[in-house]
């Protein structure tokens, strides 16, 4: 028995919403200020969550579900890349840690100026600093795991077989 595309997309949306709520908890309750890379990861989760929600509301058939799955997978790869870079920075020897996050030019080219400035100002912590761990993994490492799971979920819709017609 396979789940409907709507159920899968709704589950993906709930996962993304949960991740954003946890990020808000870390920021506003635990007082862990996000760095620019954390902000970019949150934006990726937000975009993926919106695609999941749109897909759940639209309830597309086979081709539409595959298109939504591809869009979600693309943004999951982007988010996973950001997370992997962040994890790499956190695991570098202290003397090899480069400047934190993407350059200001990148942010100004890809975001409205107010958002770019906001990201820079809110990202006051060092991206290489590990502020929290669970089972030996930092927040960016867990986010990488989540992006991978969201990618697999999206690809389940890309390669979903139509149910066989029984006579």
C-alpha atoms as a PDB file:
ATOM      1  CA  UNK A   1       0.000   0.000   0.000  1.00  0.00           C
ATOM      2  CA  UNK A   2       1.474   3.343  -0.979  1.00  0.00           C
ATOM      3  CA  UNK A   3       0.624   6.749   0.376  1.00  0.00           C
ATOM      4  CA  UNK A   4      -1.078   9.309  -1.807  1.00  0.00           C
ATOM      5  CA  UNK A   5       1.039  12.148  -3.176  1.00  0.00           C
ATOM      6  CA  UNK A   6      -1.006  14.592  -1.110  1.00  0.00           C
ATOM      7  CA  UNK A   7      -0.133  12.694   2.091  1.00  0.00           C
ATOM      8  CA  UNK A   8       3.565  12.635   1.222  1.00  0.00           C
ATOM      9  CA  UNK A   9       3.608  16.347   0.381  1.00  0.00           C
ATOM     10  CA  UNK A  10       1.687  17.202   3.560  1.00  0.00           C
ATOM     11  CA  UNK A  11       4.148  15.142   5.602  1.00  0.00           C
ATOM     12  CA  UNK A  12       7.044  17.026   3.973  1.00  0.00           C
ATOM     13  CA  UNK A  13       5.404  20.348   4.809  1.00  0.00           C
ATOM     14  CA  UNK A  14       4.931  19.304   8.443  1.00  0.00           C
ATOM     15  CA  UNK A  15       8.600  18.277   8.610  1.00  0.00           C
ATOM     16  CA  UNK A  16       9.726  21.656   7.253  1.00  0.00           C
ATOM     17  CA  UNK A  17       7.403  23.544   9.591  1.00  0.00           C
ATOM     18  CA  UNK A  18       8.757  21.523  12.524  1.00  0.00           C
ATOM     19  CA  UNK A  19      12.333  22.356  11.540  1.00  0.00           C
ATOM     20  CA  UNK A  20      11.541  26.068  11.375  1.00  0.00           C
ATOM     21  CA  UNK A  21       9.837  25.897  14.772  1.00  0.00           C
ATOM     22  CA  UNK A  22      12.885  24.177  16.269  1.00  0.00           C
ATOM     23  CA  UNK A  23      15.133  26.853  14.708  1.00  0.00           C
ATOM     24  CA  UNK A  24      12.920  29.527  16.267  1.00  0.00           C
ATOM     25  CA  UNK A  25      13.157  27.758  19.628  1.00  0.00           C
ATOM     26  CA  UNK A  26      16.953  27.686  19.428  1.00  0.00           C
ATOM     27  CA  UNK A  27      17.063  31.368  18.486  1.00  0.00           C
ATOM     28  CA  UNK A  28      14.437  32.887  20.769  1.00  0.00           C
ATOM     29  CA  UNK A  29      14.391  30.539  23.781  1.00  0.00           C
ATOM     30  CA  UNK A  30      17.932  29.142  23.874  1.00  0.00           C
ATOM     31  CA  UNK A  31      19.387  32.462  22.619  1.00  0.00           C
ATOM     32  CA  UNK A  32      21.531  30.806  19.903  1.00  0.00           C
ATOM     33  CA  UNK A  33      21.971  33.510  17.275  1.00  0.00           C
ATOM     34  CA  UNK A  34      22.058  32.104  13.728  1.00  0.00           C
ATOM     35  CA  UNK A  35      25.021  32.844  11.485  1.00  0.00           C
ATOM     36  CA  UNK A  36      24.545  33.787   7.790  1.00  0.00           C
ATOM     37  CA  UNK A  37      24.836  30.138   6.741  1.00  0.00           C
ATOM     38  CA  UNK A  38      22.128  29.187   9.251  1.00  0.00           C
ATOM     39  CA  UNK A  39      19.887  31.873   7.765  1.00  0.00           C
ATOM     40  CA  UNK A  40      20.469  30.506   4.261  1.00  0.00           C
ATOM     41  CA  UNK A  41      19.593  27.008   5.480  1.00  0.00           C
ATOM     42  CA  UNK A  42      16.388  28.343   7.017  1.00  0.00           C
ATOM     43  CA  UNK A  43      15.475  30.069   3.767  1.00  0.00           C
ATOM     44  CA  UNK A  44      16.021  26.770   1.937  1.00  0.00           C
ATOM     45  CA  UNK A  45      13.761  24.928   4.400  1.00  0.00           C
ATOM     46  CA  UNK A  46      11.143  27.656   4.018  1.00  0.00           C
ATOM     47  CA  UNK A  47      11.173  27.398   0.205  1.00  0.00           C
ATOM     48  CA  UNK A  48      11.008  23.600   0.340  1.00  0.00           C
ATOM     49  CA  UNK A  49       8.155  23.784   2.850  1.00  0.00           C
ATOM     50  CA  UNK A  50       6.228  26.181   0.621  1.00  0.00           C
ATOM     51  CA  UNK A  51       6.631  23.835  -2.351  1.00  0.00           C
ATOM     52  CA  UNK A  52       5.455  20.912  -0.205  1.00  0.00           C
ATOM     53  CA  UNK A  53       2.425  22.938   0.953  1.00  0.00           C
ATOM     54  CA  UNK A  54       1.607  24.091  -2.571  1.00  0.00           C
ATOM     55  CA  UNK A  55       1.858  20.523  -3.825  1.00  0.00           C
ATOM     56  CA  UNK A  56      -0.364  19.229  -0.998  1.00  0.00           C
ATOM     57  CA  UNK A  57      -2.998  21.876  -1.736  1.00  0.00           C
ATOM     58  CA  UNK A  58      -2.787  21.354  -5.492  1.00  0.00           C
ATOM     59  CA  UNK A  59      -2.907  17.543  -5.162  1.00  0.00           C
ATOM     60  CA  UNK A  60      -1.373  16.930  -8.600  1.00  0.00           C
ATOM     61  CA  UNK A  61      -1.559  13.707 -10.529  1.00  0.00           C
ATOM     62  CA  UNK A  62       1.496  11.759 -11.683  1.00  0.00           C
ATOM     63  CA  UNK A  63       3.213  14.361 -13.901  1.00  0.00           C
ATOM     64  CA  UNK A  64       2.467  17.251 -11.524  1.00  0.00           C
ATOM     65  CA  UNK A  65       3.721  15.272  -8.530  1.00  0.00           C
ATOM     66  CA  UNK A  66       6.937  14.545 -10.412  1.00  0.00           C
ATOM     67  CA  UNK A  67       7.399  18.229 -11.248  1.00  0.00           C
ATOM     68  CA  UNK A  68       6.861  19.257  -7.619  1.00  0.00           C
ATOM     69  CA  UNK A  69       9.196  16.446  -6.558  1.00  0.00           C
ATOM     70  CA  UNK A  70      11.927  17.748  -8.886  1.00  0.00           C
ATOM     71  CA  UNK A  71      11.547  21.333  -7.653  1.00  0.00           C
ATOM     72  CA  UNK A  72      11.716  20.216  -4.034  1.00  0.00           C
ATOM     73  CA  UNK A  73      14.708  17.978  -4.774  1.00  0.00           C
ATOM     74  CA  UNK A  74      16.600  20.876  -6.388  1.00  0.00           C
ATOM     75  CA  UNK A  75      16.126  23.092  -3.330  1.00  0.00           C
ATOM     76  CA  UNK A  76      16.987  20.172  -1.027  1.00  0.00           C
ATOM     77  CA  UNK A  77      20.303  19.772  -2.864  1.00  0.00           C
ATOM     78  CA  UNK A  78      20.956  23.516  -2.525  1.00  0.00           C
ATOM     79  CA  UNK A  79      20.173  23.383   1.201  1.00  0.00           C
ATOM     80  CA  UNK A  80      22.263  20.240   1.667  1.00  0.00           C
ATOM     81  CA  UNK A  81      25.179  21.948  -0.068  1.00  0.00           C
ATOM     82  CA  UNK A  82      24.957  24.911   2.300  1.00  0.00           C
ATOM     83  CA  UNK A  83      24.720  22.554   5.284  1.00  0.00           C
ATOM     84  CA  UNK A  84      27.668  20.474   4.077  1.00  0.00           C
ATOM     85  CA  UNK A  85      29.761  23.625   3.680  1.00  0.00           C
ATOM     86  CA  UNK A  86      28.764  24.685   7.184  1.00  0.00           C
ATOM     87  CA  UNK A  87      29.686  21.269   8.626  1.00  0.00           C
ATOM     88  CA  UNK A  88      33.018  21.464   6.798  1.00  0.00           C
ATOM     89  CA  UNK A  89      33.726  24.866   8.367  1.00  0.00           C
ATOM     90  CA  UNK A  90      32.888  23.503  11.805  1.00  0.00           C
ATOM     91  CA  UNK A  91      35.332  20.618  11.381  1.00  0.00           C
ATOM     92  CA  UNK A  92      38.314  22.618  10.139  1.00  0.00           C
ATOM     93  CA  UNK A  93      41.254  23.120  12.481  1.00  0.00           C
ATOM     94  CA  UNK A  94      40.919  26.455  14.242  1.00  0.00           C
ATOM     95  CA  UNK A  95      43.849  28.019  12.392  1.00  0.00           C
ATOM     96  CA  UNK A  96      42.297  27.145   8.992  1.00  0.00           C
ATOM     97  CA  UNK A  97      38.802  28.550   9.532  1.00  0.00           C
ATOM     98  CA  UNK A  98      38.052  31.096   6.772  1.00  0.00           C
ATOM     99  CA  UNK A  99      35.762  34.093   7.045  1.00  0.00           C
ATOM    100  CA  UNK A 100      32.237  33.233   8.059  1.00  0.00           C
ATOM    101  CA  UNK A 101      29.562  32.532   5.465  1.00  0.00           C
ATOM    102  CA  UNK A 102      29.078  33.746   1.920  1.00  0.00           C
ATOM    103  CA  UNK A 103      30.413  37.150   0.980  1.00  0.00           C
ATOM    104  CA  UNK A 104      28.345  40.297   1.149  1.00  0.00           C
ATOM    105  CA  UNK A 105      28.439  40.573  -2.658  1.00  0.00           C
ATOM    106  CA  UNK A 106      26.723  37.189  -2.992  1.00  0.00           C
ATOM    107  CA  UNK A 107      23.972  38.220  -0.583  1.00  0.00           C
ATOM    108  CA  UNK A 108      23.456  41.592  -2.273  1.00  0.00           C
ATOM    109  CA  UNK A 109      23.272  39.948  -5.715  1.00  0.00           C
ATOM    110  CA  UNK A 110      20.737  37.328  -4.655  1.00  0.00           C
ATOM    111  CA  UNK A 111      18.543  39.025  -2.050  1.00  0.00           C
ATOM    112  CA  UNK A 112      16.855  42.400  -1.621  1.00  0.00           C
ATOM    113  CA  UNK A 113      19.181  44.826   0.164  1.00  0.00           C
ATOM    114  CA  UNK A 114      17.080  44.921   3.330  1.00  0.00           C
ATOM    115  CA  UNK A 115      17.131  41.121   3.609  1.00  0.00           C
ATOM    116  CA  UNK A 116      20.876  40.963   2.890  1.00  0.00           C
ATOM    117  CA  UNK A 117      21.629  43.508   5.597  1.00  0.00           C
ATOM    118  CA  UNK A 118      19.294  41.720   7.982  1.00  0.00           C
ATOM    119  CA  UNK A 119      21.073  38.397   7.329  1.00  0.00           C
ATOM    120  CA  UNK A 120      24.469  39.956   7.943  1.00  0.00           C
ATOM    121  CA  UNK A 121      23.342  41.641  11.157  1.00  0.00           C
ATOM    122  CA  UNK A 122      21.582  38.576  12.553  1.00  0.00           C
ATOM    123  CA  UNK A 123      24.533  36.326  11.703  1.00  0.00           C
ATOM    124  CA  UNK A 124      26.773  37.647  14.483  1.00  0.00           C
ATOM    125  CA  UNK A 125      28.171  34.258  15.557  1.00  0.00           C
ATOM    126  CA  UNK A 126      31.082  32.521  13.912  1.00  0.00           C
ATOM    127  CA  UNK A 127      29.895  29.917  11.418  1.00  0.00           C
ATOM    128  CA  UNK A 128      32.611  27.523  12.548  1.00  0.00           C
ATOM    129  CA  UNK A 129      31.516  27.635  16.179  1.00  0.00           C
ATOM    130  CA  UNK A 130      29.576  24.604  17.421  1.00  0.00           C
ATOM    131  CA  UNK A 131      26.990  25.831  19.929  1.00  0.00           C
ATOM    132  CA  UNK A 132      24.831  22.709  20.334  1.00  0.00           C
ATOM    133  CA  UNK A 133      25.136  18.986  19.631  1.00  0.00           C
ATOM    134  CA  UNK A 134      22.968  15.900  19.828  1.00  0.00           C
ATOM    135  CA  UNK A 135      24.536  12.471  19.447  1.00  0.00           C
ATOM    136  CA  UNK A 136      27.766  14.185  18.417  1.00  0.00           C
ATOM    137  CA  UNK A 137      26.183  16.096  15.522  1.00  0.00           C
ATOM    138  CA  UNK A 138      25.875  19.880  15.361  1.00  0.00           C
ATOM    139  CA  UNK A 139      22.798  21.761  14.178  1.00  0.00           C
ATOM    140  CA  UNK A 140      24.144  22.089  10.599  1.00  0.00           C
ATOM    141  CA  UNK A 141      24.931  18.349  10.571  1.00  0.00           C
ATOM    142  CA  UNK A 142      21.370  17.511  11.639  1.00  0.00           C
ATOM    143  CA  UNK A 143      20.097  19.948   9.028  1.00  0.00           C
ATOM    144  CA  UNK A 144      22.161  18.099   6.409  1.00  0.00           C
ATOM    145  CA  UNK A 145      20.490  14.857   7.515  1.00  0.00           C
ATOM    146  CA  UNK A 146      17.089  16.561   7.200  1.00  0.00           C
ATOM    147  CA  UNK A 147      17.842  17.920   3.712  1.00  0.00           C
ATOM    148  CA  UNK A 148      18.867  14.425   2.663  1.00  0.00           C
ATOM    149  CA  UNK A 149      15.609  12.980   4.010  1.00  0.00           C
ATOM    150  CA  UNK A 150      13.578  15.707   2.251  1.00  0.00           C
ATOM    151  CA  UNK A 151      15.436  14.945  -0.979  1.00  0.00           C
ATOM    152  CA  UNK A 152      14.571  11.234  -0.647  1.00  0.00           C
ATOM    153  CA  UNK A 153      10.944  12.135   0.092  1.00  0.00           C
ATOM    154  CA  UNK A 154      10.808  14.356  -2.999  1.00  0.00           C
ATOM    155  CA  UNK A 155      12.427  11.707  -5.173  1.00  0.00           C
ATOM    156  CA  UNK A 156       9.838   9.182  -3.970  1.00  0.00           C
ATOM    157  CA  UNK A 157       7.313  11.286  -5.874  1.00  0.00           C
ATOM    158  CA  UNK A 158       9.524  11.682  -8.937  1.00  0.00           C
ATOM    159  CA  UNK A 159       9.899   7.917  -9.311  1.00  0.00           C
ATOM    160  CA  UNK A 160       6.498   6.891  -7.964  1.00  0.00           C
ATOM    161  CA  UNK A 161       4.854   4.211 -10.074  1.00  0.00           C
ATOM    162  CA  UNK A 162       1.237   4.508 -11.070  1.00  0.00           C
ATOM    163  CA  UNK A 163      -0.804   1.873  -9.242  1.00  0.00           C
ATOM    164  CA  UNK A 164      -1.608  -1.127 -11.407  1.00  0.00           C
ATOM    165  CA  UNK A 165      -5.188  -1.373 -12.590  1.00  0.00           C
ATOM    166  CA  UNK A 166      -6.788  -4.532 -11.301  1.00  0.00           C
ATOM    167  CA  UNK A 167      -9.640  -6.115 -13.230  1.00  0.00           C
END
